[in-house]
Amino acid sequence: MIRVMASGVFDILHPGHLRYLQEAKDLGDELVVVVATDATVRRRKHEPITPENMRLELISALRMVDKAYLGSDGDMFGVVERIRPDIIALVYDQNFEEGKIEEAMAERGLSVEVVRLSQHGEDLNGTRKIIGKIIDWYSQNKSTVKED
């Protein structure tokens, strides 16, 4: 049984996320996904649009995902120790070095292969593109938008 771990924010789920998770699943038998906490998203990227529990629920419901967990705000490798993956699948643009993750895992007694996955047409910058498109549309049409 080969356990693969993938991680991300998954704020406004889009096809790039689905391709990433399917490619990660194809690396093994079980896919475990770690969803970033709101605090982590704020610190590393932006104010999350979708709260962490909703993002976790969405990821958990995907067919290719066997298990999903909320990450932690402290030691990012603590969750890896609990999951004990054989492979960590990184998105092509995640700001982590494969070798450094493998070294950190080895120091904790884990042998983990880190694999960087390929880029797809709908890249994972899609969330920021979607947000930008919504802002642009709203800016151009706000006089005709009715509030709920």
C-alpha atoms as a PDB file:
ATOM      1  CA  MET A   1       0.000   0.000   0.000  1.00  0.00           C
ATOM      2  CA  ILE A   2       1.592   3.255  -1.170  1.00  0.00           C
ATOM      3  CA  ARG A   3       0.277   6.314   0.686  1.00  0.00           C
ATOM      4  CA  VAL A   4       0.560   9.654  -1.124  1.00  0.00           C
ATOM      5  CA  MET A   5       0.164  12.983   0.635  1.00  0.00           C
ATOM      6  CA  ALA A   6      -0.822  16.196  -1.131  1.00  0.00           C
ATOM      7  CA  SER A   7      -1.449  19.595   0.416  1.00  0.00           C
ATOM      8  CA  GLY A   8      -2.818  22.975  -0.501  1.00  0.00           C
ATOM      9  CA  VAL A   9      -5.143  25.839   0.254  1.00  0.00           C
ATOM     10  CA  PHE A  10      -7.983  24.824  -2.112  1.00  0.00           C
ATOM     11  CA  ASP A  11      -9.678  28.210  -1.775  1.00  0.00           C
ATOM     12  CA  ILE A  12     -12.250  28.301  -4.614  1.00  0.00           C
ATOM     13  CA  LEU A  13     -11.901  24.796  -5.986  1.00  0.00           C
ATOM     14  CA  HIS A  14     -11.147  24.664  -9.737  1.00  0.00           C
ATOM     15  CA  PRO A  15      -9.972  22.151 -12.386  1.00  0.00           C
ATOM     16  CA  GLY A  16      -6.286  22.785 -11.641  1.00  0.00           C
ATOM     17  CA  HIS A  17      -6.854  21.456  -8.119  1.00  0.00           C
ATOM     18  CA  LEU A  18      -8.650  18.397  -9.476  1.00  0.00           C
ATOM     19  CA  ARG A  19      -5.828  17.607 -11.906  1.00  0.00           C
ATOM     20  CA  TYR A  20      -3.234  18.017  -9.150  1.00  0.00           C
ATOM     21  CA  LEU A  21      -5.080  15.673  -6.809  1.00  0.00           C
ATOM     22  CA  GLN A  22      -5.746  13.080  -9.516  1.00  0.00           C
ATOM     23  CA  GLU A  23      -2.094  13.095 -10.588  1.00  0.00           C
ATOM     24  CA  ALA A  24      -1.103  12.679  -6.931  1.00  0.00           C
ATOM     25  CA  LYS A  25      -3.577   9.808  -6.489  1.00  0.00           C
ATOM     26  CA  ASP A  26      -2.123   8.086  -9.561  1.00  0.00           C
ATOM     27  CA  LEU A  27       1.236   7.835  -7.737  1.00  0.00           C
ATOM     28  CA  GLY A  28      -0.063   5.326  -5.198  1.00  0.00           C
ATOM     29  CA  ASP A  29      -2.947   3.462  -3.611  1.00  0.00           C
ATOM     30  CA  GLU A  30      -4.176   5.976  -1.038  1.00  0.00           C
ATOM     31  CA  LEU A  31      -4.352   9.767  -1.278  1.00  0.00           C
ATOM     32  CA  VAL A  32      -4.313  11.786   1.924  1.00  0.00           C
ATOM     33  CA  VAL A  33      -4.782  15.540   1.529  1.00  0.00           C
ATOM     34  CA  VAL A  34      -3.810  18.227   4.026  1.00  0.00           C
ATOM     35  CA  VAL A  35      -5.832  21.429   3.759  1.00  0.00           C
ATOM     36  CA  ALA A  36      -4.114  24.597   4.987  1.00  0.00           C
ATOM     37  CA  THR A  37      -5.629  26.353   7.984  1.00  0.00           C
ATOM     38  CA  ASP A  38      -7.007  29.870   7.662  1.00  0.00           C
ATOM     39  CA  ALA A  39      -4.087  31.198   9.728  1.00  0.00           C
ATOM     40  CA  THR A  40      -1.564  29.549   7.397  1.00  0.00           C
ATOM     41  CA  VAL A  41      -3.332  30.929   4.319  1.00  0.00           C
ATOM     42  CA  ARG A  42      -3.307  34.437   5.801  1.00  0.00           C
ATOM     43  CA  ARG A  43       0.389  34.165   6.629  1.00  0.00           C
ATOM     44  CA  ARG A  44       1.514  32.718   3.267  1.00  0.00           C
ATOM     45  CA  LYS A  45      -0.968  33.918   0.626  1.00  0.00           C
ATOM     46  CA  HIS A  46      -4.087  36.004   1.283  1.00  0.00           C
ATOM     47  CA  GLU A  47      -7.258  36.291   3.322  1.00  0.00           C
ATOM     48  CA  PRO A  48      -9.105  33.029   2.623  1.00  0.00           C
ATOM     49  CA  ILE A  49     -12.379  33.353   0.731  1.00  0.00           C
ATOM     50  CA  THR A  50     -13.702  29.995   1.950  1.00  0.00           C
ATOM     51  CA  PRO A  51     -13.270  29.057   5.639  1.00  0.00           C
ATOM     52  CA  GLU A  52     -11.002  26.103   6.450  1.00  0.00           C
ATOM     53  CA  ASN A  53     -13.809  23.762   7.518  1.00  0.00           C
ATOM     54  CA  MET A  54     -15.666  24.315   4.235  1.00  0.00           C
ATOM     55  CA  ARG A  55     -12.474  23.741   2.226  1.00  0.00           C
ATOM     56  CA  LEU A  56     -11.836  20.543   4.196  1.00  0.00           C
ATOM     57  CA  GLU A  57     -15.401  19.339   3.537  1.00  0.00           C
ATOM     58  CA  LEU A  58     -15.082  20.005  -0.208  1.00  0.00           C
ATOM     59  CA  ILE A  59     -11.743  18.185  -0.488  1.00  0.00           C
ATOM     60  CA  SER A  60     -13.039  15.264   1.614  1.00  0.00           C
ATOM     61  CA  ALA A  61     -15.956  14.825  -0.800  1.00  0.00           C
ATOM     62  CA  LEU A  62     -13.760  14.362  -3.885  1.00  0.00           C
ATOM     63  CA  ARG A  63     -13.697  10.859  -5.340  1.00  0.00           C
ATOM     64  CA  MET A  64      -9.901  10.633  -5.610  1.00  0.00           C
ATOM     65  CA  VAL A  65      -9.338  11.681  -1.974  1.00  0.00           C
ATOM     66  CA  ASP A  66      -9.249   8.830   0.550  1.00  0.00           C
ATOM     67  CA  LYS A  67      -8.706  10.992   3.653  1.00  0.00           C
ATOM     68  CA  ALA A  68      -8.388  14.707   4.294  1.00  0.00           C
ATOM     69  CA  TYR A  69      -7.101  16.554   7.329  1.00  0.00           C
ATOM     70  CA  LEU A  70      -6.762  20.149   8.377  1.00  0.00           C
ATOM     71  CA  GLY A  71      -3.120  21.180   8.655  1.00  0.00           C
ATOM     72  CA  SER A  72      -1.547  22.729  11.717  1.00  0.00           C
ATOM     73  CA  ASP A  73      -0.285  26.231  12.333  1.00  0.00           C
ATOM     74  CA  GLY A  74       2.877  25.108  14.088  1.00  0.00           C
ATOM     75  CA  ASP A  75       5.287  22.443  12.934  1.00  0.00           C
ATOM     76  CA  MET A  76       4.361  21.735   9.298  1.00  0.00           C
ATOM     77  CA  PHE A  77       6.125  18.381   9.418  1.00  0.00           C
ATOM     78  CA  GLY A  78       4.128  17.206  12.437  1.00  0.00           C
ATOM     79  CA  VAL A  79       1.168  16.339  10.213  1.00  0.00           C
ATOM     80  CA  VAL A  80       3.515  14.432   7.889  1.00  0.00           C
ATOM     81  CA  GLU A  81       4.733  12.383  10.865  1.00  0.00           C
ATOM     82  CA  ARG A  82       1.127  11.511  11.733  1.00  0.00           C
ATOM     83  CA  ILE A  83       0.163  10.598   8.140  1.00  0.00           C
ATOM     84  CA  ARG A  84       3.440   8.754   7.407  1.00  0.00           C
ATOM     85  CA  PRO A  85       3.249   8.984   3.613  1.00  0.00           C
ATOM     86  CA  ASP A  86       5.511   7.107   1.234  1.00  0.00           C
ATOM     87  CA  ILE A  87       5.313   9.980  -1.248  1.00  0.00           C
ATOM     88  CA  ILE A  88       4.666  13.712  -0.885  1.00  0.00           C
ATOM     89  CA  ALA A  89       3.255  15.200  -4.092  1.00  0.00           C
ATOM     90  CA  LEU A  90       4.070  18.872  -4.642  1.00  0.00           C
ATOM     91  CA  VAL A  91       2.389  21.148  -7.141  1.00  0.00           C
ATOM     92  CA  TYR A  92       4.800  22.458  -9.780  1.00  0.00           C
ATOM     93  CA  ASP A  93       4.880  25.931  -8.179  1.00  0.00           C
ATOM     94  CA  GLN A  94       4.884  25.124  -4.441  1.00  0.00           C
ATOM     95  CA  ASN A  95       7.743  26.943  -2.731  1.00  0.00           C
ATOM     96  CA  PHE A  96       9.388  23.891  -1.195  1.00  0.00           C
ATOM     97  CA  GLU A  97      12.607  22.163  -2.172  1.00  0.00           C
ATOM     98  CA  GLU A  98      12.216  18.415  -2.575  1.00  0.00           C
ATOM     99  CA  GLY A  99      15.630  17.605  -1.114  1.00  0.00           C
ATOM    100  CA  LYS A 100      15.102  19.718   1.999  1.00  0.00           C
ATOM    101  CA  ILE A 101      11.768  18.024   2.729  1.00  0.00           C
ATOM    102  CA  GLU A 102      13.336  14.580   2.272  1.00  0.00           C
ATOM    103  CA  GLU A 103      16.184  15.562   4.643  1.00  0.00           C
ATOM    104  CA  ALA A 104      13.770  16.887   7.259  1.00  0.00           C
ATOM    105  CA  MET A 105      11.767  13.666   7.070  1.00  0.00           C
ATOM    106  CA  ALA A 106      14.914  11.533   7.352  1.00  0.00           C
ATOM    107  CA  GLU A 107      15.867  13.458  10.522  1.00  0.00           C
ATOM    108  CA  ARG A 108      12.483  12.384  11.917  1.00  0.00           C
ATOM    109  CA  GLY A 109      13.057   8.760  10.957  1.00  0.00           C
ATOM    110  CA  LEU A 110      10.825   8.760   7.873  1.00  0.00           C
ATOM    111  CA  SER A 111      11.803   7.728   4.367  1.00  0.00           C
ATOM    112  CA  VAL A 112       9.628   9.862   2.099  1.00  0.00           C
ATOM    113  CA  GLU A 113       9.997  10.445  -1.618  1.00  0.00           C
ATOM    114  CA  VAL A 114       9.046  13.977  -2.695  1.00  0.00           C
ATOM    115  CA  VAL A 115       7.683  14.305  -6.224  1.00  0.00           C
ATOM    116  CA  ARG A 116       7.011  17.567  -8.036  1.00  0.00           C
ATOM    117  CA  LEU A 117       4.017  17.206 -10.346  1.00  0.00           C
ATOM    118  CA  SER A 118       3.594  18.724 -13.781  1.00  0.00           C
ATOM    119  CA  GLN A 119       1.926  22.000 -14.727  1.00  0.00           C
ATOM    120  CA  HIS A 120      -1.486  21.823 -16.367  1.00  0.00           C
ATOM    121  CA  GLY A 121      -3.424  24.212 -18.597  1.00  0.00           C
ATOM    122  CA  GLU A 122      -5.545  25.460 -15.715  1.00  0.00           C
ATOM    123  CA  ASP A 123      -2.747  26.196 -13.295  1.00  0.00           C
ATOM    124  CA  LEU A 124      -3.114  26.573  -9.553  1.00  0.00           C
ATOM    125  CA  ASN A 125      -2.947  30.338  -9.841  1.00  0.00           C
ATOM    126  CA  GLY A 126      -6.526  29.845 -10.988  1.00  0.00           C
ATOM    127  CA  THR A 127      -7.906  30.952  -7.620  1.00  0.00           C
ATOM    128  CA  ARG A 128      -6.263  34.365  -7.919  1.00  0.00           C
ATOM    129  CA  LYS A 129      -7.415  34.602 -11.548  1.00  0.00           C
ATOM    130  CA  ILE A 130     -10.995  33.750 -10.564  1.00  0.00           C
ATOM    131  CA  ILE A 131     -10.950  36.340  -7.764  1.00  0.00           C
ATOM    132  CA  GLY A 132      -9.553  38.960 -10.168  1.00  0.00           C
ATOM    133  CA  LYS A 133     -12.244  38.195 -12.733  1.00  0.00           C
ATOM    134  CA  ILE A 134     -14.990  38.534 -10.095  1.00  0.00           C
ATOM    135  CA  ILE A 135     -13.568  41.864  -8.909  1.00  0.00           C
ATOM    136  CA  ASP A 136     -13.311  43.158 -12.483  1.00  0.00           C
ATOM    137  CA  TRP A 137     -16.849  42.062 -13.327  1.00  0.00           C
ATOM    138  CA  TYR A 138     -18.272  43.531 -10.134  1.00  0.00           C
ATOM    139  CA  SER A 139     -16.418  46.816 -10.657  1.00  0.00           C
ATOM    140  CA  GLN A 140     -17.884  47.156 -14.146  1.00  0.00           C
ATOM    141  CA  ASN A 141     -21.400  46.082 -13.167  1.00  0.00           C
ATOM    142  CA  LYS A 142     -21.903  47.223  -9.596  1.00  0.00           C
ATOM    143  CA  SER A 143     -24.641  49.701 -10.542  1.00  0.00           C
ATOM    144  CA  THR A 144     -26.762  46.819 -11.905  1.00  0.00           C
ATOM    145  CA  VAL A 145     -26.040  44.290  -9.121  1.00  0.00           C
ATOM    146  CA  LYS A 146     -28.861  43.748  -6.660  1.00  0.00           C
ATOM    147  CA  GLU A 147     -27.907  42.914  -3.087  1.00  0.00           C
ATOM    148  CA  ASP A 148     -29.500  39.806  -1.540  1.00  0.00           C
END
